[in-house]
Amino acid sequence: MPYRPFQSTYYDDKMRASPALLRARAPYLVKNTITGFAICALVIGIYSYTINVISQDEFEDVVVPAEPMTRPQAAQPPSATESVKQAVAARKQ
């Protein structure tokens, strides 16, 4: 005997929709289709608006330096190992 996950009057032995299920869903077919198209149109509209707004963004007011900034050697913080060594030495004192 094949495995049947549930006993339903809306599906036959091959899990196909019965005429009763098709009749039960019929009143909602048009409303669900219209709702689906409305949701899809909303998503496509939001996506299109976002791409349109982003593509119009101009960066003319941003100042780009001619060469990257370099830090002086004295201003660089100590490395992680040096910091740990200093902390251990301070703790031992």
PDB file of N, CA and C in Angstrom:
ATOM      1  N   MET A   1       0.839  -1.174   0.000  1.00  0.00           N
ATOM      2  CA  MET A   1       0.000   0.000   0.000  1.00  0.00           C
ATOM      3  C   MET A   1       0.889   1.243   0.000  1.00  0.00           C
ATOM      4  N   PRO A   2       0.650   2.196  -0.918  1.00  0.00           N
ATOM      5  CA  PRO A   2       1.497   3.391  -0.991  1.00  0.00           C
ATOM      6  C   PRO A   2       1.272   4.300   0.212  1.00  0.00           C
ATOM      7  N   TYR A   3       2.300   5.072   0.493  1.00  0.00           N
ATOM      8  CA  TYR A   3       2.239   6.017   1.605  1.00  0.00           C
ATOM      9  C   TYR A   3       1.305   7.167   1.262  1.00  0.00           C
ATOM     10  N   ARG A   4       0.383   7.477   2.146  1.00  0.00           N
ATOM     11  CA  ARG A   4      -0.535   8.603   1.989  1.00  0.00           C
ATOM     12  C   ARG A   4      -0.339   9.541   3.169  1.00  0.00           C
ATOM     13  N   PRO A   5       0.157  10.751   2.918  1.00  0.00           N
ATOM     14  CA  PRO A   5       0.439  11.651   4.034  1.00  0.00           C
ATOM     15  C   PRO A   5      -0.799  12.088   4.793  1.00  0.00           C
ATOM     16  N   PHE A   6      -1.927  12.171   4.113  1.00  0.00           N
ATOM     17  CA  PHE A   6      -3.154  12.573   4.794  1.00  0.00           C
ATOM     18  C   PHE A   6      -4.344  12.067   3.996  1.00  0.00           C
ATOM     19  N   GLN A   7      -5.469  11.987   4.646  1.00  0.00           N
ATOM     20  CA  GLN A   7      -6.708  11.561   4.004  1.00  0.00           C
ATOM     21  C   GLN A   7      -7.504  12.812   3.656  1.00  0.00           C
ATOM     22  N   SER A   8      -7.734  13.035   2.376  1.00  0.00           N
ATOM     23  CA  SER A   8      -8.435  14.227   1.948  1.00  0.00           C
ATOM     24  C   SER A   8      -9.446  13.871   0.877  1.00  0.00           C
ATOM     25  N   THR A   9     -10.553  14.575   0.889  1.00  0.00           N
ATOM     26  CA  THR A   9     -11.549  14.362  -0.153  1.00  0.00           C
ATOM     27  C   THR A   9     -11.284  15.255  -1.357  1.00  0.00           C
ATOM     28  N   TYR A  10     -10.308  16.165  -1.245  1.00  0.00           N
ATOM     29  CA  TYR A  10     -10.004  17.062  -2.343  1.00  0.00           C
ATOM     30  C   TYR A  10      -8.961  16.498  -3.311  1.00  0.00           C
ATOM     31  N   TYR A  11      -8.280  15.420  -2.963  1.00  0.00           N
ATOM     32  CA  TYR A  11      -7.252  14.835  -3.814  1.00  0.00           C
ATOM     33  C   TYR A  11      -7.547  13.354  -4.014  1.00  0.00           C
ATOM     34  N   ASP A  12      -7.232  12.842  -5.218  1.00  0.00           N
ATOM     35  CA  ASP A  12      -7.438  11.420  -5.466  1.00  0.00           C
ATOM     36  C   ASP A  12      -6.184  10.638  -5.072  1.00  0.00           C
ATOM     37  N   ASP A  13      -6.106   9.374  -5.450  1.00  0.00           N
ATOM     38  CA  ASP A  13      -4.987   8.522  -5.047  1.00  0.00           C
ATOM     39  C   ASP A  13      -3.655   8.989  -5.635  1.00  0.00           C
ATOM     40  N   LYS A  14      -3.693   9.652  -6.764  1.00  0.00           N
ATOM     41  CA  LYS A  14      -2.470  10.135  -7.399  1.00  0.00           C
ATOM     42  C   LYS A  14      -2.180  11.594  -7.046  1.00  0.00           C
ATOM     43  N   MET A  15      -2.851  12.099  -6.018  1.00  0.00           N
ATOM     44  CA  MET A  15      -2.684  13.461  -5.505  1.00  0.00           C
ATOM     45  C   MET A  15      -2.997  14.516  -6.571  1.00  0.00           C
ATOM     46  N   ARG A  16      -3.978  14.248  -7.406  1.00  0.00           N
ATOM     47  CA  ARG A  16      -4.473  15.218  -8.372  1.00  0.00           C
ATOM     48  C   ARG A  16      -5.702  15.902  -7.781  1.00  0.00           C
ATOM     49  N   ALA A  17      -5.920  17.131  -8.174  1.00  0.00           N
ATOM     50  CA  ALA A  17      -7.061  17.890  -7.658  1.00  0.00           C
ATOM     51  C   ALA A  17      -8.362  17.269  -8.149  1.00  0.00           C
ATOM     52  N   SER A  18      -9.293  17.119  -7.236  1.00  0.00           N
ATOM     53  CA  SER A  18     -10.593  16.548  -7.589  1.00  0.00           C
ATOM     54  C   SER A  18     -11.513  17.655  -8.105  1.00  0.00           C
ATOM     55  N   PRO A  19     -12.602  17.303  -8.729  1.00  0.00           N
ATOM     56  CA  PRO A  19     -13.545  18.333  -9.168  1.00  0.00           C
ATOM     57  C   PRO A  19     -14.074  19.184  -8.013  1.00  0.00           C
ATOM     58  N   ALA A  20     -14.202  18.597  -6.836  1.00  0.00           N
ATOM     59  CA  ALA A  20     -14.661  19.370  -5.679  1.00  0.00           C
ATOM     60  C   ALA A  20     -13.672  20.472  -5.316  1.00  0.00           C
ATOM     61  N   LEU A  21     -12.375  20.162  -5.383  1.00  0.00           N
ATOM     62  CA  LEU A  21     -11.350  21.168  -5.088  1.00  0.00           C
ATOM     63  C   LEU A  21     -11.366  22.263  -6.144  1.00  0.00           C
ATOM     64  N   LEU A  22     -11.500  21.897  -7.387  1.00  0.00           N
ATOM     65  CA  LEU A  22     -11.569  22.903  -8.448  1.00  0.00           C
ATOM     66  C   LEU A  22     -12.782  23.801  -8.287  1.00  0.00           C
ATOM     67  N   ARG A  23     -13.918  23.229  -7.893  1.00  0.00           N
ATOM     68  CA  ARG A  23     -15.113  24.038  -7.642  1.00  0.00           C
ATOM     69  C   ARG A  23     -14.916  24.958  -6.440  1.00  0.00           C
ATOM     70  N   ALA A  24     -14.224  24.478  -5.408  1.00  0.00           N
ATOM     71  CA  ALA A  24     -14.007  25.297  -4.206  1.00  0.00           C
ATOM     72  C   ALA A  24     -13.067  26.467  -4.490  1.00  0.00           C
ATOM     73  N   ARG A  25     -12.126  26.279  -5.399  1.00  0.00           N
ATOM     74  CA  ARG A  25     -11.172  27.339  -5.708  1.00  0.00           C
ATOM     75  C   ARG A  25     -11.675  28.303  -6.775  1.00  0.00           C
ATOM     76  N   ALA A  26     -12.664  27.934  -7.530  1.00  0.00           N
ATOM     77  CA  ALA A  26     -13.128  28.736  -8.669  1.00  0.00           C
ATOM     78  C   ALA A  26     -13.521  30.167  -8.311  1.00  0.00           C
ATOM     79  N   PRO A  27     -14.232  30.431  -7.209  1.00  0.00           N
ATOM     80  CA  PRO A  27     -14.626  31.819  -6.922  1.00  0.00           C
ATOM     81  C   PRO A  27     -13.438  32.737  -6.644  1.00  0.00           C
ATOM     82  N   TYR A  28     -12.303  32.184  -6.247  1.00  0.00           N
ATOM     83  CA  TYR A  28     -11.152  32.992  -5.865  1.00  0.00           C
ATOM     84  C   TYR A  28     -10.128  33.129  -6.983  1.00  0.00           C
ATOM     85  N   LEU A  29     -10.339  32.467  -8.111  1.00  0.00           N
ATOM     86  CA  LEU A  29      -9.351  32.454  -9.182  1.00  0.00           C
ATOM     87  C   LEU A  29      -9.084  33.857  -9.725  1.00  0.00           C
ATOM     88  N   VAL A  30     -10.120  34.607 -10.018  1.00  0.00           N
ATOM     89  CA  VAL A  30      -9.948  35.945 -10.602  1.00  0.00           C
ATOM     90  C   VAL A  30      -9.346  36.900  -9.571  1.00  0.00           C
ATOM     91  N   LYS A  31      -9.847  36.866  -8.348  1.00  0.00           N
ATOM     92  CA  LYS A  31      -9.324  37.767  -7.310  1.00  0.00           C
ATOM     93  C   LYS A  31      -7.857  37.467  -7.014  1.00  0.00           C
ATOM     94  N   ASN A  32      -7.502  36.183  -6.933  1.00  0.00           N
ATOM     95  CA  ASN A  32      -6.110  35.824  -6.658  1.00  0.00           C
ATOM     96  C   ASN A  32      -5.200  36.213  -7.822  1.00  0.00           C
ATOM     97  N   THR A  33      -5.685  36.071  -9.042  1.00  0.00           N
ATOM     98  CA  THR A  33      -4.885  36.457 -10.204  1.00  0.00           C
ATOM     99  C   THR A  33      -4.649  37.965 -10.219  1.00  0.00           C
ATOM    100  N   ILE A  34      -5.682  38.742  -9.952  1.00  0.00           N
ATOM    101  CA  ILE A  34      -5.539  40.200  -9.913  1.00  0.00           C
ATOM    102  C   ILE A  34      -4.587  40.618  -8.791  1.00  0.00           C
ATOM    103  N   THR A  35      -4.714  39.989  -7.633  1.00  0.00           N
ATOM    104  CA  THR A  35      -3.818  40.294  -6.516  1.00  0.00           C
ATOM    105  C   THR A  35      -2.376  39.946  -6.867  1.00  0.00           C
ATOM    106  N   GLY A  36      -2.163  38.820  -7.510  1.00  0.00           N
ATOM    107  CA  GLY A  36      -0.814  38.425  -7.926  1.00  0.00           C
ATOM    108  C   GLY A  36      -0.209  39.416  -8.900  1.00  0.00           C
ATOM    109  N   PHE A  37      -1.004  39.859  -9.891  1.00  0.00           N
ATOM    110  CA  PHE A  37      -0.502  40.858 -10.828  1.00  0.00           C
ATOM    111  C   PHE A  37      -0.214  42.180 -10.124  1.00  0.00           C
ATOM    112  N   ALA A  38      -1.033  42.569  -9.172  1.00  0.00           N
ATOM    113  CA  ALA A  38      -0.813  43.819  -8.441  1.00  0.00           C
ATOM    114  C   ALA A  38       0.480  43.760  -7.624  1.00  0.00           C
ATOM    115  N   ILE A  39       0.716  42.647  -6.977  1.00  0.00           N
ATOM    116  CA  ILE A  39       1.946  42.504  -6.185  1.00  0.00           C
ATOM    117  C   ILE A  39       3.165  42.521  -7.097  1.00  0.00           C
ATOM    118  N   CYS A  40       3.093  41.816  -8.221  1.00  0.00           N
ATOM    119  CA  CYS A  40       4.210  41.812  -9.169  1.00  0.00           C
ATOM    120  C   CYS A  40       4.464  43.213  -9.727  1.00  0.00           C
ATOM    121  N   ALA A  41       3.395  43.933 -10.056  1.00  0.00           N
ATOM    122  CA  ALA A  41       3.543  45.294 -10.574  1.00  0.00           C
ATOM    123  C   ALA A  41       4.169  46.216  -9.523  1.00  0.00           C
ATOM    124  N   LEU A  42       3.784  46.054  -8.270  1.00  0.00           N
ATOM    125  CA  LEU A  42       4.366  46.857  -7.195  1.00  0.00           C
ATOM    126  C   LEU A  42       5.863  46.583  -7.061  1.00  0.00           C
ATOM    127  N   VAL A  43       6.244  45.320  -7.074  1.00  0.00           N
ATOM    128  CA  VAL A  43       7.663  44.960  -6.947  1.00  0.00           C
ATOM    129  C   VAL A  43       8.461  45.503  -8.129  1.00  0.00           C
ATOM    130  N   ILE A  44       7.948  45.345  -9.339  1.00  0.00           N
ATOM    131  CA  ILE A  44       8.650  45.842 -10.522  1.00  0.00           C
ATOM    132  C   ILE A  44       8.726  47.368 -10.490  1.00  0.00           C
ATOM    133  N   GLY A  45       7.675  48.028 -10.024  1.00  0.00           N
ATOM    134  CA  GLY A  45       7.693  49.487  -9.912  1.00  0.00           C
ATOM    135  C   GLY A  45       8.728  49.978  -8.921  1.00  0.00           C
ATOM    136  N   ILE A  46       8.802  49.347  -7.768  1.00  0.00           N
ATOM    137  CA  ILE A  46       9.796  49.744  -6.755  1.00  0.00           C
ATOM    138  C   ILE A  46      11.204  49.512  -7.280  1.00  0.00           C
ATOM    139  N   TYR A  47      11.424  48.374  -7.916  1.00  0.00           N
ATOM    140  CA  TYR A  47      12.741  48.062  -8.471  1.00  0.00           C
ATOM    141  C   TYR A  47      13.125  49.088  -9.536  1.00  0.00           C
ATOM    142  N   SER A  48      12.212  49.396 -10.446  1.00  0.00           N
ATOM    143  CA  SER A  48      12.486  50.354 -11.520  1.00  0.00           C
ATOM    144  C   SER A  48      12.769  51.742 -10.950  1.00  0.00           C
ATOM    145  N   TYR A  49      11.977  52.169  -9.985  1.00  0.00           N
ATOM    146  CA  TYR A  49      12.195  53.475  -9.364  1.00  0.00           C
ATOM    147  C   TYR A  49      13.572  53.541  -8.705  1.00  0.00           C
ATOM    148  N   THR A  50      13.944  52.497  -7.991  1.00  0.00           N
ATOM    149  CA  THR A  50      15.232  52.478  -7.299  1.00  0.00           C
ATOM    150  C   THR A  50      16.382  52.549  -8.293  1.00  0.00           C
ATOM    151  N   ILE A  51      16.329  51.754  -9.350  1.00  0.00           N
ATOM    152  CA  ILE A  51      17.394  51.778 -10.352  1.00  0.00           C
ATOM    153  C   ILE A  51      17.448  53.141 -11.027  1.00  0.00           C
ATOM    154  N   ASN A  52      16.304  53.744 -11.308  1.00  0.00           N
ATOM    155  CA  ASN A  52      16.263  55.059 -11.948  1.00  0.00           C
ATOM    156  C   ASN A  52      16.880  56.123 -11.046  1.00  0.00           C
ATOM    157  N   VAL A  53      16.562  56.114  -9.771  1.00  0.00           N
ATOM    158  CA  VAL A  53      17.092  57.118  -8.846  1.00  0.00           C
ATOM    159  C   VAL A  53      18.594  56.935  -8.658  1.00  0.00           C
ATOM    160  N   ILE A  54      19.047  55.700  -8.546  1.00  0.00           N
ATOM    161  CA  ILE A  54      20.483  55.462  -8.339  1.00  0.00           C
ATOM    162  C   ILE A  54      21.278  55.847  -9.575  1.00  0.00           C
ATOM    163  N   SER A  55      20.733  55.603 -10.751  1.00  0.00           N
ATOM    164  CA  SER A  55      21.473  55.921 -11.970  1.00  0.00           C
ATOM    165  C   SER A  55      21.611  57.423 -12.173  1.00  0.00           C
ATOM    166  N   GLN A  56      20.789  58.239 -11.554  1.00  0.00           N
ATOM    167  CA  GLN A  56      20.871  59.686 -11.685  1.00  0.00           C
ATOM    168  C   GLN A  56      21.841  60.319 -10.692  1.00  0.00           C
ATOM    169  N   ASP A  57      22.379  59.529  -9.784  1.00  0.00           N
ATOM    170  CA  ASP A  57      23.271  60.074  -8.770  1.00  0.00           C
ATOM    171  C   ASP A  57      24.596  60.468  -9.406  1.00  0.00           C
ATOM    172  N   GLU A  58      25.023  61.701  -9.139  1.00  0.00           N
ATOM    173  CA  GLU A  58      26.277  62.205  -9.676  1.00  0.00           C
ATOM    174  C   GLU A  58      27.199  62.528  -8.516  1.00  0.00           C
ATOM    175  N   PHE A  59      28.466  62.267  -8.714  1.00  0.00           N
ATOM    176  CA  PHE A  59      29.452  62.479  -7.660  1.00  0.00           C
ATOM    177  C   PHE A  59      30.392  63.621  -8.022  1.00  0.00           C
ATOM    178  N   GLU A  60      29.873  64.661  -8.680  1.00  0.00           N
ATOM    179  CA  GLU A  60      30.709  65.786  -9.069  1.00  0.00           C
ATOM    180  C   GLU A  60      31.149  66.622  -7.867  1.00  0.00           C
ATOM    181  N   ASP A  61      30.397  66.599  -6.793  1.00  0.00           N
ATOM    182  CA  ASP A  61      30.732  67.405  -5.627  1.00  0.00           C
ATOM    183  C   ASP A  61      31.749  66.731  -4.707  1.00  0.00           C
ATOM    184  N   VAL A  62      32.110  65.493  -4.988  1.00  0.00           N
ATOM    185  CA  VAL A  62      33.070  64.771  -4.158  1.00  0.00           C
ATOM    186  C   VAL A  62      34.477  65.108  -4.625  1.00  0.00           C
ATOM    187  N   VAL A  63      35.308  65.550  -3.696  1.00  0.00           N
ATOM    188  CA  VAL A  63      36.681  65.906  -4.023  1.00  0.00           C
ATOM    189  C   VAL A  63      37.535  64.644  -3.949  1.00  0.00           C
ATOM    190  N   VAL A  64      38.198  64.331  -5.042  1.00  0.00           N
ATOM    191  CA  VAL A  64      39.070  63.167  -5.097  1.00  0.00           C
ATOM    192  C   VAL A  64      40.505  63.664  -5.049  1.00  0.00           C
ATOM    193  N   PRO A  65      41.289  63.244  -4.054  1.00  0.00           N
ATOM    194  CA  PRO A  65      42.671  63.718  -3.969  1.00  0.00           C
ATOM    195  C   PRO A  65      43.519  63.149  -5.105  1.00  0.00           C
ATOM    196  N   ALA A  66      44.593  63.888  -5.446  1.00  0.00           N
ATOM    197  CA  ALA A  66      45.461  63.468  -6.543  1.00  0.00           C
ATOM    198  C   ALA A  66      46.230  62.204  -6.183  1.00  0.00           C
ATOM    199  N   GLU A  67      46.670  62.100  -4.935  1.00  0.00           N
ATOM    200  CA  GLU A  67      47.400  60.901  -4.501  1.00  0.00           C
ATOM    201  C   GLU A  67      46.913  60.512  -3.109  1.00  0.00           C
ATOM    202  N   PRO A  68      47.013  59.246  -2.760  1.00  0.00           N
ATOM    203  CA  PRO A  68      46.517  58.821  -1.447  1.00  0.00           C
ATOM    204  C   PRO A  68      47.334  59.423  -0.313  1.00  0.00           C
ATOM    205  N   MET A  69      46.666  59.626   0.812  1.00  0.00           N
ATOM    206  CA  MET A  69      47.345  60.175   1.981  1.00  0.00           C
ATOM    207  C   MET A  69      48.246  59.118   2.595  1.00  0.00           C
ATOM    208  N   THR A  70      49.390  59.534   3.088  1.00  0.00           N
ATOM    209  CA  THR A  70      50.305  58.618   3.776  1.00  0.00           C
ATOM    210  C   THR A  70      50.480  59.099   5.200  1.00  0.00           C
ATOM    211  N   ARG A  71      50.561  58.150   6.108  1.00  0.00           N
ATOM    212  CA  ARG A  71      50.786  58.489   7.511  1.00  0.00           C
ATOM    213  C   ARG A  71      52.279  58.594   7.780  1.00  0.00           C
ATOM    214  N   PRO A  72      52.642  59.507   8.637  1.00  0.00           N
ATOM    215  CA  PRO A  72      54.050  59.530   9.052  1.00  0.00           C
ATOM    216  C   PRO A  72      54.362  58.293   9.893  1.00  0.00           C
ATOM    217  N   GLN A  73      55.609  57.870   9.880  1.00  0.00           N
ATOM    218  CA  GLN A  73      56.005  56.644  10.581  1.00  0.00           C
ATOM    219  C   GLN A  73      55.753  56.740  12.078  1.00  0.00           C
ATOM    220  N   ALA A  74      55.935  57.907  12.681  1.00  0.00           N
ATOM    221  CA  ALA A  74      55.783  58.042  14.129  1.00  0.00           C
ATOM    222  C   ALA A  74      54.315  57.961  14.551  1.00  0.00           C
ATOM    223  N   ALA A  75      53.400  58.266  13.661  1.00  0.00           N
ATOM    224  CA  ALA A  75      51.984  58.302  14.027  1.00  0.00           C
ATOM    225  C   ALA A  75      51.313  56.934  13.948  1.00  0.00           C
ATOM    226  N   GLN A  76      52.006  55.923  13.411  1.00  0.00           N
ATOM    227  CA  GLN A  76      51.383  54.612  13.287  1.00  0.00           C
ATOM    228  C   GLN A  76      51.285  53.945  14.663  1.00  0.00           C
ATOM    229  N   PRO A  77      50.157  53.343  14.975  1.00  0.00           N
ATOM    230  CA  PRO A  77      50.022  52.664  16.264  1.00  0.00           C
ATOM    231  C   PRO A  77      50.874  51.388  16.278  1.00  0.00           C
ATOM    232  N   PRO A  78      51.231  50.925  17.465  1.00  0.00           N
ATOM    233  CA  PRO A  78      52.024  49.687  17.540  1.00  0.00           C
ATOM    234  C   PRO A  78      51.195  48.497  17.061  1.00  0.00           C
ATOM    235  N   SER A  79      51.899  47.472  16.611  1.00  0.00           N
ATOM    236  CA  SER A  79      51.197  46.285  16.123  1.00  0.00           C
ATOM    237  C   SER A  79      50.575  45.538  17.305  1.00  0.00           C
ATOM    238  N   ALA A  80      49.773  44.552  17.001  1.00  0.00           N
ATOM    239  CA  ALA A  80      49.079  43.808  18.050  1.00  0.00           C
ATOM    240  C   ALA A  80      50.051  43.053  18.938  1.00  0.00           C
ATOM    241  N   THR A  81      51.085  42.470  18.345  1.00  0.00           N
ATOM    242  CA  THR A  81      52.059  41.724  19.165  1.00  0.00           C
ATOM    243  C   THR A  81      52.835  42.661  20.077  1.00  0.00           C
ATOM    244  N   GLU A  82      53.177  43.845  19.575  1.00  0.00           N
ATOM    245  CA  GLU A  82      53.889  44.805  20.421  1.00  0.00           C
ATOM    246  C   GLU A  82      52.994  45.278  21.559  1.00  0.00           C
ATOM    247  N   SER A  83      51.721  45.468  21.297  1.00  0.00           N
ATOM    248  CA  SER A  83      50.791  45.889  22.347  1.00  0.00           C
ATOM    249  C   SER A  83      50.673  44.825  23.425  1.00  0.00           C
ATOM    250  N   VAL A  84      50.623  43.555  23.013  1.00  0.00           N
ATOM    251  CA  VAL A  84      50.530  42.466  23.986  1.00  0.00           C
ATOM    252  C   VAL A  84      51.806  42.393  24.816  1.00  0.00           C
ATOM    253  N   LYS A  85      52.950  42.553  24.172  1.00  0.00           N
ATOM    254  CA  LYS A  85      54.222  42.523  24.914  1.00  0.00           C
ATOM    255  C   LYS A  85      54.291  43.658  25.925  1.00  0.00           C
ATOM    256  N   GLN A  86      53.819  44.859  25.529  1.00  0.00           N
ATOM    257  CA  GLN A  86      53.818  45.988  26.456  1.00  0.00           C
ATOM    258  C   GLN A  86      52.874  45.738  27.624  1.00  0.00           C
ATOM    259  N   ALA A  87      51.725  45.133  27.369  1.00  0.00           N
ATOM    260  CA  ALA A  87      50.765  44.851  28.432  1.00  0.00           C
ATOM    261  C   ALA A  87      51.326  43.822  29.397  1.00  0.00           C
ATOM    262  N   VAL A  88      51.996  42.784  28.886  1.00  0.00           N
ATOM    263  CA  VAL A  88      52.583  41.753  29.745  1.00  0.00           C
ATOM    264  C   VAL A  88      53.706  42.363  30.580  1.00  0.00           C
ATOM    265  N   ALA A  89      54.521  43.207  29.968  1.00  0.00           N
ATOM    266  CA  ALA A  89      55.612  43.832  30.701  1.00  0.00           C
ATOM    267  C   ALA A  89      55.072  44.761  31.791  1.00  0.00           C
ATOM    268  N   ALA A  90      54.003  45.486  31.498  1.00  0.00           N
ATOM    269  CA  ALA A  90      53.422  46.385  32.502  1.00  0.00           C
ATOM    270  C   ALA A  90      52.817  45.606  33.642  1.00  0.00           C
ATOM    271  N   ARG A  91      52.257  44.435  33.343  1.00  0.00           N
ATOM    272  CA  ARG A  91      51.641  43.629  34.388  1.00  0.00           C
ATOM    273  C   ARG A  91      52.698  43.015  35.332  1.00  0.00           C
ATOM    274  N   LYS A  92      53.854  42.681  34.770  1.00  0.00           N
ATOM    275  CA  LYS A  92      54.914  42.070  35.572  1.00  0.00           C
ATOM    276  C   LYS A  92      55.535  43.085  36.553  1.00  0.00           C
ATOM    277  N   GLN A  93      55.446  44.361  36.244  1.00  0.00           N
ATOM    278  CA  GLN A  93      56.072  45.380  37.115  1.00  0.00           C
ATOM    279  C   GLN A  93      55.283  45.651  38.339  1.00  0.00           C
TER     280      GLN A  93
END
